[in-house]
């Protein structure tokens, strides 16, 4: 049986906190920035906790993740 490979693009885009929460960044940051408010662009800079469905997907793509 072959090893399960990590999806490298996903692994680079997520972080795991000390308590095991998975953080991910928001999308829609790179295109048509002039049409977006400065407030919304600042809010997009922050990483936020992934919801249950996103956690399931991330765990499938990054099998060696040490997250709860």
PDB file of N, CA and C in Angstrom:
ATOM      1  N   UNK A   1       0.848  -1.184   0.000  1.00  0.00           N
ATOM      2  CA  UNK A   1       0.000   0.000   0.000  1.00  0.00           C
ATOM      3  C   UNK A   1       0.892   1.245   0.000  1.00  0.00           C
ATOM      4  N   UNK A   2       0.688   2.190  -0.929  1.00  0.00           N
ATOM      5  CA  UNK A   2       1.541   3.384  -0.983  1.00  0.00           C
ATOM      6  C   UNK A   2       1.237   4.345   0.163  1.00  0.00           C
ATOM      7  N   UNK A   3       2.201   5.194   0.423  1.00  0.00           N
ATOM      8  CA  UNK A   3       2.023   6.201   1.457  1.00  0.00           C
ATOM      9  C   UNK A   3       0.997   7.238   1.004  1.00  0.00           C
ATOM     10  N   UNK A   4       0.328   7.857   1.968  1.00  0.00           N
ATOM     11  CA  UNK A   4      -0.606   8.941   1.665  1.00  0.00           C
ATOM     12  C   UNK A   4       0.208  10.220   1.533  1.00  0.00           C
ATOM     13  N   UNK A   5       0.075  10.892   0.414  1.00  0.00           N
ATOM     14  CA  UNK A   5       0.853  12.101   0.184  1.00  0.00           C
ATOM     15  C   UNK A   5       0.126  13.326   0.725  1.00  0.00           C
ATOM     16  N   UNK A   6       0.897  14.268   1.271  1.00  0.00           N
ATOM     17  CA  UNK A   6       0.376  15.536   1.764  1.00  0.00           C
ATOM     18  C   UNK A   6       0.150  16.466   0.584  1.00  0.00           C
ATOM     19  N   UNK A   7      -0.976  17.169   0.586  1.00  0.00           N
ATOM     20  CA  UNK A   7      -1.247  18.185  -0.422  1.00  0.00           C
ATOM     21  C   UNK A   7      -0.495  19.440   0.003  1.00  0.00           C
ATOM     22  N   UNK A   8       0.639  19.702  -0.660  1.00  0.00           N
ATOM     23  CA  UNK A   8       1.567  20.735  -0.217  1.00  0.00           C
ATOM     24  C   UNK A   8       0.968  22.140  -0.257  1.00  0.00           C
ATOM     25  N   UNK A   9       0.130  22.433  -1.253  1.00  0.00           N
ATOM     26  CA  UNK A   9      -0.467  23.765  -1.338  1.00  0.00           C
ATOM     27  C   UNK A   9      -1.360  24.038  -0.129  1.00  0.00           C
ATOM     28  N   UNK A  10      -2.096  23.006   0.315  1.00  0.00           N
ATOM     29  CA  UNK A  10      -2.948  23.162   1.489  1.00  0.00           C
ATOM     30  C   UNK A  10      -2.098  23.309   2.746  1.00  0.00           C
ATOM     31  N   UNK A  11      -1.054  22.519   2.857  1.00  0.00           N
ATOM     32  CA  UNK A  11      -0.196  22.557   4.035  1.00  0.00           C
ATOM     33  C   UNK A  11       0.442  23.930   4.218  1.00  0.00           C
ATOM     34  N   UNK A  12       0.751  24.628   3.133  1.00  0.00           N
ATOM     35  CA  UNK A  12       1.359  25.952   3.214  1.00  0.00           C
ATOM     36  C   UNK A  12       0.357  27.032   3.605  1.00  0.00           C
ATOM     37  N   UNK A  13      -0.930  26.774   3.419  1.00  0.00           N
ATOM     38  CA  UNK A  13      -1.951  27.800   3.638  1.00  0.00           C
ATOM     39  C   UNK A  13      -2.622  27.717   5.002  1.00  0.00           C
ATOM     40  N   UNK A  14      -2.320  26.704   5.783  1.00  0.00           N
ATOM     41  CA  UNK A  14      -2.974  26.559   7.086  1.00  0.00           C
ATOM     42  C   UNK A  14      -1.949  26.587   8.204  1.00  0.00           C
ATOM     43  N   UNK A  15      -2.425  26.887   9.400  1.00  0.00           N
ATOM     44  CA  UNK A  15      -1.598  26.843  10.596  1.00  0.00           C
ATOM     45  C   UNK A  15      -2.397  26.152  11.683  1.00  0.00           C
ATOM     46  N   UNK A  16      -1.693  25.528  12.614  1.00  0.00           N
ATOM     47  CA  UNK A  16      -2.334  24.881  13.753  1.00  0.00           C
ATOM     48  C   UNK A  16      -1.899  25.615  15.013  1.00  0.00           C
ATOM     49  N   UNK A  17      -2.873  25.986  15.861  1.00  0.00           N
ATOM     50  CA  UNK A  17      -2.562  26.686  17.099  1.00  0.00           C
ATOM     51  C   UNK A  17      -2.015  25.708  18.123  1.00  0.00           C
ATOM     52  N   UNK A  18      -1.565  26.231  19.244  1.00  0.00           N
ATOM     53  CA  UNK A  18      -1.047  25.388  20.312  1.00  0.00           C
ATOM     54  C   UNK A  18      -2.109  24.484  20.906  1.00  0.00           C
ATOM     55  N   UNK A  19      -3.370  24.917  20.855  1.00  0.00           N
ATOM     56  CA  UNK A  19      -4.456  24.105  21.393  1.00  0.00           C
ATOM     57  C   UNK A  19      -5.019  23.137  20.363  1.00  0.00           C
ATOM     58  N   UNK A  20      -4.512  23.183  19.123  1.00  0.00           N
ATOM     59  CA  UNK A  20      -4.930  22.220  18.103  1.00  0.00           C
ATOM     60  C   UNK A  20      -5.988  22.717  17.145  1.00  0.00           C
ATOM     61  N   UNK A  21      -6.337  24.004  17.208  1.00  0.00           N
ATOM     62  CA  UNK A  21      -7.317  24.542  16.261  1.00  0.00           C
ATOM     63  C   UNK A  21      -6.640  24.779  14.917  1.00  0.00           C
ATOM     64  N   UNK A  22      -7.394  24.595  13.838  1.00  0.00           N
ATOM     65  CA  UNK A  22      -6.878  24.818  12.487  1.00  0.00           C
ATOM     66  C   UNK A  22      -7.266  26.222  12.049  1.00  0.00           C
ATOM     67  N   UNK A  23      -6.269  27.021  11.665  1.00  0.00           N
ATOM     68  CA  UNK A  23      -6.511  28.378  11.174  1.00  0.00           C
ATOM     69  C   UNK A  23      -6.299  28.400   9.672  1.00  0.00           C
ATOM     70  N   UNK A  24      -7.136  29.151   8.985  1.00  0.00           N
ATOM     71  CA  UNK A  24      -6.958  29.324   7.543  1.00  0.00           C
ATOM     72  C   UNK A  24      -7.199  30.777   7.186  1.00  0.00           C
ATOM     73  N   UNK A  25      -6.681  31.196   6.047  1.00  0.00           N
ATOM     74  CA  UNK A  25      -6.847  32.578   5.620  1.00  0.00           C
ATOM     75  C   UNK A  25      -8.082  32.698   4.733  1.00  0.00           C
ATOM     76  N   UNK A  26      -8.528  33.907   4.552  1.00  0.00           N
ATOM     77  CA  UNK A  26      -9.707  34.177   3.731  1.00  0.00           C
ATOM     78  C   UNK A  26      -9.309  34.307   2.265  1.00  0.00           C
ATOM     79  N   UNK A  27     -10.260  34.084   1.383  1.00  0.00           N
ATOM     80  CA  UNK A  27     -10.013  34.234  -0.041  1.00  0.00           C
ATOM     81  C   UNK A  27     -10.353  35.638  -0.526  1.00  0.00           C
ATOM     82  N   UNK A  28     -10.388  35.816  -1.829  1.00  0.00           N
ATOM     83  CA  UNK A  28     -10.780  37.077  -2.485  1.00  0.00           C
ATOM     84  C   UNK A  28      -9.870  38.240  -2.118  1.00  0.00           C
ATOM     85  N   UNK A  29      -8.578  37.992  -1.945  1.00  0.00           N
ATOM     86  CA  UNK A  29      -7.682  39.055  -1.512  1.00  0.00           C
ATOM     87  C   UNK A  29      -6.853  39.664  -2.631  1.00  0.00           C
ATOM     88  N   UNK A  30      -6.749  39.005  -3.782  1.00  0.00           N
ATOM     89  CA  UNK A  30      -5.756  39.433  -4.754  1.00  0.00           C
ATOM     90  C   UNK A  30      -6.311  40.117  -6.001  1.00  0.00           C
ATOM     91  N   UNK A  31      -7.606  40.072  -6.213  1.00  0.00           N
ATOM     92  CA  UNK A  31      -8.151  40.575  -7.467  1.00  0.00           C
ATOM     93  C   UNK A  31      -9.176  41.672  -7.179  1.00  0.00           C
ATOM     94  N   UNK A  32      -9.093  42.761  -7.933  1.00  0.00           N
ATOM     95  CA  UNK A  32     -10.010  43.903  -7.800  1.00  0.00           C
ATOM     96  C   UNK A  32     -10.016  44.480  -6.386  1.00  0.00           C
ATOM     97  N   UNK A  33      -8.839  44.760  -5.893  1.00  0.00           N
ATOM     98  CA  UNK A  33      -8.739  45.299  -4.528  1.00  0.00           C
ATOM     99  C   UNK A  33      -9.298  46.705  -4.424  1.00  0.00           C
ATOM    100  N   UNK A  34      -9.240  47.466  -5.501  1.00  0.00           N
ATOM    101  CA  UNK A  34      -9.720  48.852  -5.440  1.00  0.00           C
ATOM    102  C   UNK A  34     -11.231  48.915  -5.238  1.00  0.00           C
ATOM    103  N   UNK A  35     -11.939  47.867  -5.616  1.00  0.00           N
ATOM    104  CA  UNK A  35     -13.394  47.847  -5.452  1.00  0.00           C
ATOM    105  C   UNK A  35     -13.803  47.461  -4.037  1.00  0.00           C
ATOM    106  N   UNK A  36     -12.866  46.913  -3.264  1.00  0.00           N
ATOM    107  CA  UNK A  36     -13.185  46.470  -1.910  1.00  0.00           C
ATOM    108  C   UNK A  36     -12.815  47.570  -0.915  1.00  0.00           C
ATOM    109  N   UNK A  37     -13.566  47.636   0.163  1.00  0.00           N
ATOM    110  CA  UNK A  37     -13.281  48.650   1.172  1.00  0.00           C
ATOM    111  C   UNK A  37     -11.997  48.295   1.908  1.00  0.00           C
ATOM    112  N   UNK A  38     -11.347  49.315   2.435  1.00  0.00           N
ATOM    113  CA  UNK A  38     -10.100  49.089   3.163  1.00  0.00           C
ATOM    114  C   UNK A  38     -10.365  48.271   4.423  1.00  0.00           C
ATOM    115  N   UNK A  39     -11.532  48.468   5.010  1.00  0.00           N
ATOM    116  CA  UNK A  39     -11.893  47.703   6.208  1.00  0.00           C
ATOM    117  C   UNK A  39     -11.992  46.210   5.889  1.00  0.00           C
ATOM    118  N   UNK A  40     -12.639  45.876   4.769  1.00  0.00           N
ATOM    119  CA  UNK A  40     -12.784  44.462   4.414  1.00  0.00           C
ATOM    120  C   UNK A  40     -11.432  43.847   4.057  1.00  0.00           C
ATOM    121  N   UNK A  41     -10.554  44.625   3.416  1.00  0.00           N
ATOM    122  CA  UNK A  41      -9.227  44.115   3.085  1.00  0.00           C
ATOM    123  C   UNK A  41      -8.411  43.847   4.344  1.00  0.00           C
ATOM    124  N   UNK A  42      -8.534  44.709   5.351  1.00  0.00           N
ATOM    125  CA  UNK A  42      -7.838  44.488   6.616  1.00  0.00           C
ATOM    126  C   UNK A  42      -8.358  43.236   7.310  1.00  0.00           C
ATOM    127  N   UNK A  43      -9.670  43.022   7.260  1.00  0.00           N
ATOM    128  CA  UNK A  43     -10.259  41.844   7.901  1.00  0.00           C
ATOM    129  C   UNK A  43      -9.816  40.564   7.206  1.00  0.00           C
ATOM    130  N   UNK A  44      -9.559  40.622   5.903  1.00  0.00           N
ATOM    131  CA  UNK A  44      -9.117  39.455   5.164  1.00  0.00           C
ATOM    132  C   UNK A  44      -7.685  39.052   5.510  1.00  0.00           C
ATOM    133  N   UNK A  45      -6.899  39.984   6.073  1.00  0.00           N
ATOM    134  CA  UNK A  45      -5.516  39.679   6.427  1.00  0.00           C
ATOM    135  C   UNK A  45      -5.434  38.665   7.559  1.00  0.00           C
ATOM    136  N   UNK A  46      -6.423  38.662   8.452  1.00  0.00           N
ATOM    137  CA  UNK A  46      -6.387  37.792   9.623  1.00  0.00           C
ATOM    138  C   UNK A  46      -6.726  36.356   9.242  1.00  0.00           C
ATOM    139  N   UNK A  47      -6.143  35.436   9.967  1.00  0.00           N
ATOM    140  CA  UNK A  47      -6.504  34.033   9.819  1.00  0.00           C
ATOM    141  C   UNK A  47      -7.641  33.746  10.794  1.00  0.00           C
ATOM    142  N   UNK A  48      -8.513  32.825  10.448  1.00  0.00           N
ATOM    143  CA  UNK A  48      -9.623  32.501  11.327  1.00  0.00           C
ATOM    144  C   UNK A  48      -9.791  31.002  11.429  1.00  0.00           C
ATOM    145  N   UNK A  49     -10.515  30.572  12.455  1.00  0.00           N
ATOM    146  CA  UNK A  49     -10.679  29.149  12.746  1.00  0.00           C
ATOM    147  C   UNK A  49     -11.564  28.505  11.678  1.00  0.00           C
ATOM    148  N   UNK A  50     -11.119  27.381  11.159  1.00  0.00           N
ATOM    149  CA  UNK A  50     -11.875  26.664  10.133  1.00  0.00           C
ATOM    150  C   UNK A  50     -13.084  25.967  10.763  1.00  0.00           C
ATOM    151  N   UNK A  51     -14.194  25.918  10.031  1.00  0.00           N
ATOM    152  CA  UNK A  51     -15.398  25.246  10.538  1.00  0.00           C
ATOM    153  C   UNK A  51     -15.272  23.732  10.345  1.00  0.00           C
ATOM    154  N   UNK A  52     -16.280  22.993  10.792  1.00  0.00           N
ATOM    155  CA  UNK A  52     -16.199  21.531  10.820  1.00  0.00           C
ATOM    156  C   UNK A  52     -15.995  20.927   9.433  1.00  0.00           C
ATOM    157  N   UNK A  53     -16.716  21.414   8.432  1.00  0.00           N
ATOM    158  CA  UNK A  53     -16.589  20.873   7.082  1.00  0.00           C
ATOM    159  C   UNK A  53     -15.221  21.133   6.489  1.00  0.00           C
ATOM    160  N   UNK A  54     -14.695  22.332   6.753  1.00  0.00           N
ATOM    161  CA  UNK A  54     -13.368  22.674   6.246  1.00  0.00           C
ATOM    162  C   UNK A  54     -12.296  21.853   6.965  1.00  0.00           C
ATOM    163  N   UNK A  55     -12.470  21.609   8.265  1.00  0.00           N
ATOM    164  CA  UNK A  55     -11.515  20.780   9.012  1.00  0.00           C
ATOM    165  C   UNK A  55     -11.436  19.381   8.432  1.00  0.00           C
ATOM    166  N   UNK A  56     -12.600  18.829   8.082  1.00  0.00           N
ATOM    167  CA  UNK A  56     -12.648  17.482   7.510  1.00  0.00           C
ATOM    168  C   UNK A  56     -11.868  17.436   6.203  1.00  0.00           C
ATOM    169  N   UNK A  57     -12.047  18.443   5.380  1.00  0.00           N
ATOM    170  CA  UNK A  57     -11.354  18.505   4.091  1.00  0.00           C
ATOM    171  C   UNK A  57      -9.849  18.679   4.281  1.00  0.00           C
ATOM    172  N   UNK A  58      -9.463  19.532   5.223  1.00  0.00           N
ATOM    173  CA  UNK A  58      -8.047  19.787   5.467  1.00  0.00           C
ATOM    174  C   UNK A  58      -7.364  18.538   6.001  1.00  0.00           C
ATOM    175  N   UNK A  59      -8.024  17.818   6.895  1.00  0.00           N
ATOM    176  CA  UNK A  59      -7.430  16.594   7.442  1.00  0.00           C
ATOM    177  C   UNK A  59      -7.217  15.536   6.364  1.00  0.00           C
ATOM    178  N   UNK A  60      -8.115  15.498   5.377  1.00  0.00           N
ATOM    179  CA  UNK A  60      -7.956  14.539   4.280  1.00  0.00           C
ATOM    180  C   UNK A  60      -6.767  14.923   3.393  1.00  0.00           C
ATOM    181  N   UNK A  61      -6.561  16.223   3.200  1.00  0.00           N
ATOM    182  CA  UNK A  61      -5.481  16.684   2.336  1.00  0.00           C
ATOM    183  C   UNK A  61      -4.121  16.678   3.035  1.00  0.00           C
ATOM    184  N   UNK A  62      -4.119  16.893   4.360  1.00  0.00           N
ATOM    185  CA  UNK A  62      -2.872  16.939   5.126  1.00  0.00           C
ATOM    186  C   UNK A  62      -2.956  15.882   6.226  1.00  0.00           C
ATOM    187  N   UNK A  63      -2.622  14.627   5.913  1.00  0.00           N
ATOM    188  CA  UNK A  63      -2.835  13.541   6.860  1.00  0.00           C
ATOM    189  C   UNK A  63      -1.974  13.591   8.114  1.00  0.00           C
ATOM    190  N   UNK A  64      -0.796  14.201   8.071  1.00  0.00           N
ATOM    191  CA  UNK A  64       0.098  14.221   9.226  1.00  0.00           C
ATOM    192  C   UNK A  64      -0.151  15.372  10.167  1.00  0.00           C
ATOM    193  N   UNK A  65      -1.287  16.043  10.060  1.00  0.00           N
ATOM    194  CA  UNK A  65      -1.575  17.244  10.843  1.00  0.00           C
ATOM    195  C   UNK A  65      -1.857  16.881  12.296  1.00  0.00           C
ATOM    196  N   UNK A  66      -1.239  17.630  13.202  1.00  0.00           N
ATOM    197  CA  UNK A  66      -1.448  17.403  14.636  1.00  0.00           C
ATOM    198  C   UNK A  66      -2.507  18.380  15.142  1.00  0.00           C
ATOM    199  N   UNK A  67      -3.758  18.125  14.785  1.00  0.00           N
ATOM    200  CA  UNK A  67      -4.844  19.013  15.177  1.00  0.00           C
ATOM    201  C   UNK A  67      -5.971  18.209  15.822  1.00  0.00           C
ATOM    202  N   UNK A  68      -6.743  18.899  16.654  1.00  0.00           N
ATOM    203  CA  UNK A  68      -7.876  18.250  17.326  1.00  0.00           C
ATOM    204  C   UNK A  68      -9.122  18.353  16.494  1.00  0.00           C
TER     205      UNK A  68
END
